[in-house]
Amino acid sequence: MTDTVASIPTQLRTPGVDTRGSTGRWPTYAIGFGLAAGLTVASFVLAGGGWLTPASLVAALVALAIAQMIVHLVFFLHITTAPAQKTNILALLLTLLIISLVVIGSLWIMAQLSTHMVPMDQLMQMQR
């Protein structure tokens, strides 16, 4: 059986297409699963342990969440810094930009609504 991707000339291939089949091997997924499960267990242990102050607990959970995102990107989505991954990295950055715009815009709208809202005691007096 011939490999259809390998038979296409190099200049006509889509960037990010791996012809060697290096992604999707089970040891890579097993390592990623172990790291992700370990980070999840660590976050539950920290949250339920009561060893940290609330501020340091939040910082530790944020650090563990960022580490878990990196594990998922590298081991499961196979996002690397290889030149062939340029389109995948650009798509990821565009996605992060859109998500941040939606979140920041929503927070801004809610802050403006909260600022311009009538206090409850005045609202009750207006309804009488």
N, C-alpha and C. Protein backbone atom coordinates (compact mmCIF):
# COMPACT_ATOMS: atom_id res chain seq x y z
N MET A 1 0.84 -1.17 0.00
CA MET A 1 0.00 0.00 0.00
C MET A 1 0.89 1.24 0.00
N THR A 2 0.63 2.19 -0.86
CA THR A 2 1.47 3.38 -0.97
C THR A 2 0.94 4.47 -0.07
N ASP A 3 1.85 5.29 0.38
CA ASP A 3 1.50 6.43 1.23
C ASP A 3 1.16 7.60 0.32
N THR A 4 -0.09 8.06 0.35
CA THR A 4 -0.51 9.11 -0.56
C THR A 4 0.11 10.45 -0.21
N VAL A 5 0.37 10.69 1.06
CA VAL A 5 0.98 11.96 1.46
C VAL A 5 2.43 12.01 1.01
N ALA A 6 3.15 10.90 1.12
CA ALA A 6 4.56 10.87 0.73
C ALA A 6 4.72 11.00 -0.78
N SER A 7 3.69 10.62 -1.56
CA SER A 7 3.80 10.70 -3.01
C SER A 7 3.56 12.10 -3.55
N ILE A 8 3.03 13.02 -2.72
CA ILE A 8 2.79 14.40 -3.13
C ILE A 8 4.10 15.15 -3.05
N PRO A 9 4.43 15.97 -4.05
CA PRO A 9 5.68 16.74 -3.98
C PRO A 9 5.72 17.63 -2.74
N THR A 10 6.91 17.85 -2.24
CA THR A 10 7.11 18.59 -0.99
C THR A 10 6.51 19.99 -1.04
N GLN A 11 6.67 20.70 -2.15
CA GLN A 11 6.18 22.07 -2.23
C GLN A 11 4.66 22.15 -2.29
N LEU A 12 3.96 21.04 -2.55
CA LEU A 12 2.50 21.06 -2.61
C LEU A 12 1.85 20.54 -1.34
N ARG A 13 2.63 20.09 -0.38
CA ARG A 13 2.07 19.55 0.86
C ARG A 13 1.62 20.67 1.78
N THR A 14 0.62 20.37 2.58
CA THR A 14 0.15 21.31 3.58
C THR A 14 1.13 21.32 4.75
N PRO A 15 1.51 22.51 5.23
CA PRO A 15 2.40 22.55 6.40
C PRO A 15 1.75 21.86 7.59
N GLY A 16 2.55 21.14 8.34
CA GLY A 16 2.03 20.46 9.51
C GLY A 16 1.67 19.01 9.27
N VAL A 17 1.71 18.55 8.01
CA VAL A 17 1.42 17.17 7.71
C VAL A 17 2.67 16.34 7.97
N ASP A 18 2.55 15.37 8.85
CA ASP A 18 3.70 14.55 9.21
C ASP A 18 3.66 13.26 8.40
N THR A 19 4.69 13.02 7.60
CA THR A 19 4.72 11.82 6.75
C THR A 19 5.43 10.67 7.43
N ARG A 20 6.09 10.90 8.55
CA ARG A 20 6.83 9.84 9.22
C ARG A 20 5.96 9.04 10.16
N GLY A 21 4.79 9.52 10.52
CA GLY A 21 3.93 8.80 11.44
C GLY A 21 4.42 8.85 12.87
N SER A 22 5.08 9.93 13.26
CA SER A 22 5.66 10.00 14.61
C SER A 22 4.62 10.33 15.67
N THR A 23 3.47 10.85 15.28
CA THR A 23 2.44 11.17 16.27
C THR A 23 1.51 9.99 16.43
N GLY A 24 0.93 9.89 17.59
CA GLY A 24 -0.07 8.87 17.81
C GLY A 24 0.48 7.55 18.32
N ARG A 25 1.73 7.51 18.73
CA ARG A 25 2.25 6.27 19.30
C ARG A 25 1.81 6.16 20.74
N TRP A 26 1.53 4.97 21.20
CA TRP A 26 0.96 4.79 22.53
C TRP A 26 1.88 5.21 23.66
N PRO A 27 3.22 5.08 23.58
CA PRO A 27 4.02 5.57 24.72
C PRO A 27 3.86 7.08 24.94
N THR A 28 3.72 7.83 23.85
CA THR A 28 3.52 9.27 23.98
C THR A 28 2.21 9.57 24.70
N TYR A 29 1.15 8.86 24.32
CA TYR A 29 -0.13 9.06 24.97
C TYR A 29 -0.10 8.59 26.43
N ALA A 30 0.62 7.52 26.71
CA ALA A 30 0.70 7.01 28.08
C ALA A 30 1.43 8.01 28.99
N ILE A 31 2.52 8.59 28.49
CA ILE A 31 3.24 9.60 29.27
C ILE A 31 2.35 10.82 29.50
N GLY A 32 1.66 11.26 28.46
CA GLY A 32 0.76 12.41 28.59
C GLY A 32 -0.37 12.14 29.56
N PHE A 33 -0.93 10.93 29.49
CA PHE A 33 -2.00 10.57 30.41
C PHE A 33 -1.50 10.54 31.85
N GLY A 34 -0.32 9.98 32.05
CA GLY A 34 0.25 9.93 33.40
C GLY A 34 0.49 11.32 33.96
N LEU A 35 1.06 12.21 33.14
CA LEU A 35 1.31 13.58 33.60
C LEU A 35 0.00 14.32 33.88
N ALA A 36 -0.99 14.17 32.98
CA ALA A 36 -2.28 14.86 33.18
C ALA A 36 -2.99 14.34 34.42
N ALA A 37 -2.97 13.02 34.62
CA ALA A 37 -3.61 12.45 35.81
C ALA A 37 -2.87 12.89 37.08
N GLY A 38 -1.55 12.93 37.03
CA GLY A 38 -0.78 13.38 38.19
C GLY A 38 -1.05 14.82 38.55
N LEU A 39 -1.15 15.68 37.53
CA LEU A 39 -1.45 17.09 37.79
C LEU A 39 -2.87 17.26 38.34
N THR A 40 -3.81 16.45 37.85
CA THR A 40 -5.19 16.51 38.36
C THR A 40 -5.24 16.07 39.83
N VAL A 41 -4.58 14.98 40.14
CA VAL A 41 -4.55 14.49 41.52
C VAL A 41 -3.87 15.52 42.43
N ALA A 42 -2.78 16.12 41.93
CA ALA A 42 -2.08 17.13 42.74
C ALA A 42 -2.97 18.32 43.03
N SER A 43 -3.76 18.75 42.06
CA SER A 43 -4.64 19.89 42.31
C SER A 43 -5.74 19.54 43.32
N PHE A 44 -6.28 18.32 43.24
CA PHE A 44 -7.29 17.92 44.22
C PHE A 44 -6.69 17.78 45.61
N VAL A 45 -5.47 17.26 45.70
CA VAL A 45 -4.82 17.12 47.01
C VAL A 45 -4.55 18.49 47.61
N LEU A 46 -4.06 19.43 46.79
CA LEU A 46 -3.80 20.78 47.31
C LEU A 46 -5.09 21.47 47.73
N ALA A 47 -6.14 21.33 46.93
CA ALA A 47 -7.40 22.01 47.26
C ALA A 47 -8.04 21.44 48.51
N GLY A 48 -7.93 20.15 48.71
CA GLY A 48 -8.58 19.54 49.87
C GLY A 48 -7.71 19.43 51.10
N GLY A 49 -6.42 19.72 50.97
CA GLY A 49 -5.49 19.53 52.08
C GLY A 49 -5.56 20.59 53.14
N GLY A 50 -5.82 21.82 52.77
CA GLY A 50 -5.86 22.91 53.74
C GLY A 50 -4.49 23.34 54.23
N TRP A 51 -3.44 23.04 53.47
CA TRP A 51 -2.08 23.38 53.89
C TRP A 51 -1.68 24.78 53.46
N LEU A 52 -2.35 25.32 52.46
CA LEU A 52 -1.95 26.61 51.90
C LEU A 52 -2.95 27.69 52.26
N THR A 53 -2.47 28.92 52.27
CA THR A 53 -3.38 30.04 52.44
C THR A 53 -4.22 30.18 51.16
N PRO A 54 -5.36 30.85 51.24
CA PRO A 54 -6.21 30.96 50.05
C PRO A 54 -5.50 31.59 48.84
N ALA A 55 -4.69 32.60 49.08
CA ALA A 55 -4.01 33.25 47.96
C ALA A 55 -2.97 32.33 47.33
N SER A 56 -2.21 31.62 48.15
CA SER A 56 -1.20 30.72 47.60
C SER A 56 -1.85 29.49 46.98
N LEU A 57 -3.02 29.08 47.47
CA LEU A 57 -3.75 27.97 46.86
C LEU A 57 -4.20 28.33 45.45
N VAL A 58 -4.72 29.55 45.29
CA VAL A 58 -5.13 29.99 43.96
C VAL A 58 -3.94 30.03 43.01
N ALA A 59 -2.81 30.54 43.48
CA ALA A 59 -1.61 30.60 42.65
C ALA A 59 -1.13 29.20 42.27
N ALA A 60 -1.16 28.27 43.21
CA ALA A 60 -0.73 26.91 42.92
C ALA A 60 -1.67 26.22 41.94
N LEU A 61 -2.98 26.43 42.09
CA LEU A 61 -3.94 25.83 41.16
C LEU A 61 -3.81 26.42 39.77
N VAL A 62 -3.54 27.71 39.67
CA VAL A 62 -3.33 28.33 38.36
C VAL A 62 -2.08 27.76 37.70
N ALA A 63 -1.02 27.59 38.48
CA ALA A 63 0.22 27.01 37.94
C ALA A 63 0.00 25.57 37.47
N LEU A 64 -0.74 24.78 38.24
CA LEU A 64 -1.03 23.41 37.84
C LEU A 64 -1.93 23.37 36.61
N ALA A 65 -2.87 24.30 36.50
CA ALA A 65 -3.74 24.34 35.33
C ALA A 65 -2.95 24.70 34.07
N ILE A 66 -2.04 25.64 34.18
CA ILE A 66 -1.20 26.01 33.03
C ILE A 66 -0.31 24.83 32.63
N ALA A 67 0.24 24.14 33.62
CA ALA A 67 1.06 22.96 33.32
C ALA A 67 0.24 21.89 32.63
N GLN A 68 -0.99 21.71 33.05
CA GLN A 68 -1.84 20.69 32.42
C GLN A 68 -2.21 21.10 30.99
N MET A 69 -2.43 22.39 30.75
CA MET A 69 -2.69 22.83 29.37
C MET A 69 -1.49 22.56 28.47
N ILE A 70 -0.30 22.79 28.99
CA ILE A 70 0.91 22.53 28.20
C ILE A 70 1.05 21.03 27.92
N VAL A 71 0.76 20.19 28.91
CA VAL A 71 0.81 18.74 28.70
C VAL A 71 -0.16 18.31 27.61
N HIS A 72 -1.38 18.85 27.64
CA HIS A 72 -2.36 18.50 26.62
C HIS A 72 -1.93 18.98 25.24
N LEU A 73 -1.38 20.18 25.15
CA LEU A 73 -0.94 20.69 23.86
C LEU A 73 0.20 19.86 23.28
N VAL A 74 1.13 19.46 24.11
CA VAL A 74 2.31 18.74 23.61
C VAL A 74 2.02 17.27 23.37
N PHE A 75 1.40 16.59 24.32
CA PHE A 75 1.26 15.14 24.22
C PHE A 75 0.03 14.68 23.46
N PHE A 76 -1.05 15.45 23.47
CA PHE A 76 -2.27 15.00 22.81
C PHE A 76 -2.55 15.75 21.52
N LEU A 77 -2.30 17.05 21.48
CA LEU A 77 -2.52 17.82 20.25
C LEU A 77 -1.26 17.92 19.41
N HIS A 78 -0.13 17.47 19.94
CA HIS A 78 1.15 17.43 19.23
C HIS A 78 1.57 18.80 18.69
N ILE A 79 1.35 19.84 19.49
CA ILE A 79 1.78 21.18 19.14
C ILE A 79 3.23 21.33 19.61
N THR A 80 4.13 21.51 18.67
CA THR A 80 5.54 21.68 19.00
C THR A 80 6.05 22.95 18.32
N THR A 81 7.33 23.23 18.50
CA THR A 81 7.91 24.42 17.87
C THR A 81 8.57 24.08 16.54
N ALA A 82 8.27 22.95 15.98
CA ALA A 82 8.84 22.56 14.69
C ALA A 82 8.33 23.50 13.60
N PRO A 83 9.14 23.75 12.57
CA PRO A 83 8.69 24.64 11.49
C PRO A 83 7.44 24.13 10.78
N ALA A 84 7.23 22.84 10.75
CA ALA A 84 6.04 22.29 10.09
C ALA A 84 4.77 22.57 10.88
N GLN A 85 4.89 22.97 12.12
CA GLN A 85 3.73 23.23 12.97
C GLN A 85 3.28 24.69 12.94
N LYS A 86 3.78 25.46 12.00
CA LYS A 86 3.49 26.89 11.97
C LYS A 86 1.99 27.17 11.87
N THR A 87 1.29 26.44 11.01
CA THR A 87 -0.15 26.70 10.86
C THR A 87 -0.92 26.30 12.11
N ASN A 88 -0.50 25.23 12.76
CA ASN A 88 -1.18 24.82 14.00
C ASN A 88 -0.98 25.84 15.11
N ILE A 89 0.22 26.38 15.21
CA ILE A 89 0.50 27.39 16.23
C ILE A 89 -0.28 28.67 15.94
N LEU A 90 -0.34 29.07 14.67
CA LEU A 90 -1.10 30.26 14.32
C LEU A 90 -2.59 30.07 14.60
N ALA A 91 -3.12 28.89 14.32
CA ALA A 91 -4.53 28.62 14.61
C ALA A 91 -4.78 28.64 16.11
N LEU A 92 -3.85 28.11 16.89
CA LEU A 92 -3.97 28.15 18.35
C LEU A 92 -3.94 29.58 18.87
N LEU A 93 -3.02 30.39 18.35
CA LEU A 93 -2.94 31.79 18.78
C LEU A 93 -4.19 32.58 18.41
N LEU A 94 -4.75 32.33 17.22
CA LEU A 94 -5.99 33.00 16.83
C LEU A 94 -7.14 32.59 17.74
N THR A 95 -7.18 31.31 18.09
CA THR A 95 -8.22 30.83 19.01
C THR A 95 -8.09 31.51 20.37
N LEU A 96 -6.86 31.59 20.88
CA LEU A 96 -6.65 32.26 22.17
C LEU A 96 -7.02 33.74 22.10
N LEU A 97 -6.74 34.40 20.98
CA LEU A 97 -7.12 35.80 20.82
C LEU A 97 -8.63 35.97 20.84
N ILE A 98 -9.34 35.12 20.13
CA ILE A 98 -10.80 35.23 20.09
C ILE A 98 -11.40 34.95 21.46
N ILE A 99 -10.90 33.93 22.15
CA ILE A 99 -11.41 33.62 23.49
C ILE A 99 -11.14 34.76 24.46
N SER A 100 -9.94 35.34 24.39
CA SER A 100 -9.63 36.45 25.30
C SER A 100 -10.49 37.67 24.99
N LEU A 101 -10.75 37.93 23.72
CA LEU A 101 -11.63 39.06 23.38
C LEU A 101 -13.04 38.84 23.91
N VAL A 102 -13.56 37.64 23.80
CA VAL A 102 -14.90 37.36 24.31
C VAL A 102 -14.95 37.49 25.82
N VAL A 103 -13.95 36.94 26.52
CA VAL A 103 -13.95 37.00 27.98
C VAL A 103 -13.77 38.44 28.47
N ILE A 104 -12.80 39.16 27.91
CA ILE A 104 -12.57 40.54 28.34
C ILE A 104 -13.77 41.42 28.00
N GLY A 105 -14.35 41.23 26.82
CA GLY A 105 -15.54 42.00 26.45
C GLY A 105 -16.72 41.72 27.37
N SER A 106 -16.90 40.46 27.72
CA SER A 106 -18.00 40.11 28.63
C SER A 106 -17.80 40.72 30.01
N LEU A 107 -16.57 40.67 30.52
CA LEU A 107 -16.30 41.27 31.82
C LEU A 107 -16.50 42.79 31.78
N TRP A 108 -16.11 43.41 30.70
CA TRP A 108 -16.28 44.84 30.56
C TRP A 108 -17.77 45.22 30.53
N ILE A 109 -18.56 44.47 29.76
CA ILE A 109 -19.99 44.73 29.69
C ILE A 109 -20.65 44.54 31.05
N MET A 110 -20.28 43.47 31.76
CA MET A 110 -20.88 43.24 33.08
C MET A 110 -20.47 44.32 34.08
N ALA A 111 -19.24 44.81 33.98
CA ALA A 111 -18.81 45.89 34.88
C ALA A 111 -19.59 47.17 34.58
N GLN A 112 -19.80 47.47 33.31
CA GLN A 112 -20.58 48.66 32.95
C GLN A 112 -22.03 48.53 33.41
N LEU A 113 -22.62 47.35 33.26
CA LEU A 113 -23.99 47.16 33.71
C LEU A 113 -24.09 47.29 35.23
N SER A 114 -23.10 46.78 35.93
CA SER A 114 -23.11 46.88 37.39
C SER A 114 -22.97 48.33 37.84
N THR A 115 -22.16 49.11 37.11
CA THR A 115 -21.96 50.51 37.46
C THR A 115 -23.24 51.33 37.26
N HIS A 116 -23.98 51.04 36.22
CA HIS A 116 -25.15 51.84 35.86
C HIS A 116 -26.47 51.27 36.40
N MET A 117 -26.38 50.29 37.26
CA MET A 117 -27.58 49.70 37.82
C MET A 117 -28.11 50.53 38.98
N VAL A 118 -29.41 50.57 39.12
CA VAL A 118 -30.04 51.31 40.21
C VAL A 118 -29.95 50.45 41.47
N PRO A 119 -29.57 51.03 42.61
CA PRO A 119 -29.53 50.26 43.86
C PRO A 119 -30.90 49.70 44.20
N MET A 120 -30.93 48.58 44.89
CA MET A 120 -32.17 47.86 45.15
C MET A 120 -33.15 48.68 45.99
N ASP A 121 -32.67 49.45 47.00
CA ASP A 121 -33.61 50.23 47.82
C ASP A 121 -34.28 51.33 47.01
N GLN A 122 -33.57 51.95 46.10
CA GLN A 122 -34.18 52.96 45.23
C GLN A 122 -35.15 52.32 44.25
N LEU A 123 -34.84 51.14 43.78
CA LEU A 123 -35.72 50.44 42.86
C LEU A 123 -37.02 50.08 43.54
N MET A 124 -36.96 49.65 44.79
CA MET A 124 -38.16 49.30 45.55
C MET A 124 -39.02 50.53 45.82
N GLN A 125 -38.40 51.69 46.08
CA GLN A 125 -39.16 52.92 46.30
C GLN A 125 -39.82 53.40 45.01
N MET A 126 -39.17 53.19 43.89
CA MET A 126 -39.77 53.61 42.61
C MET A 126 -40.97 52.76 42.24
N GLN A 127 -41.03 51.51 42.71
CA GLN A 127 -42.14 50.62 42.37
C GLN A 127 -43.35 50.85 43.25
N ARG A 128 -43.20 51.57 44.36
CA ARG A 128 -44.34 51.81 45.25
C ARG A 128 -45.21 52.91 44.77
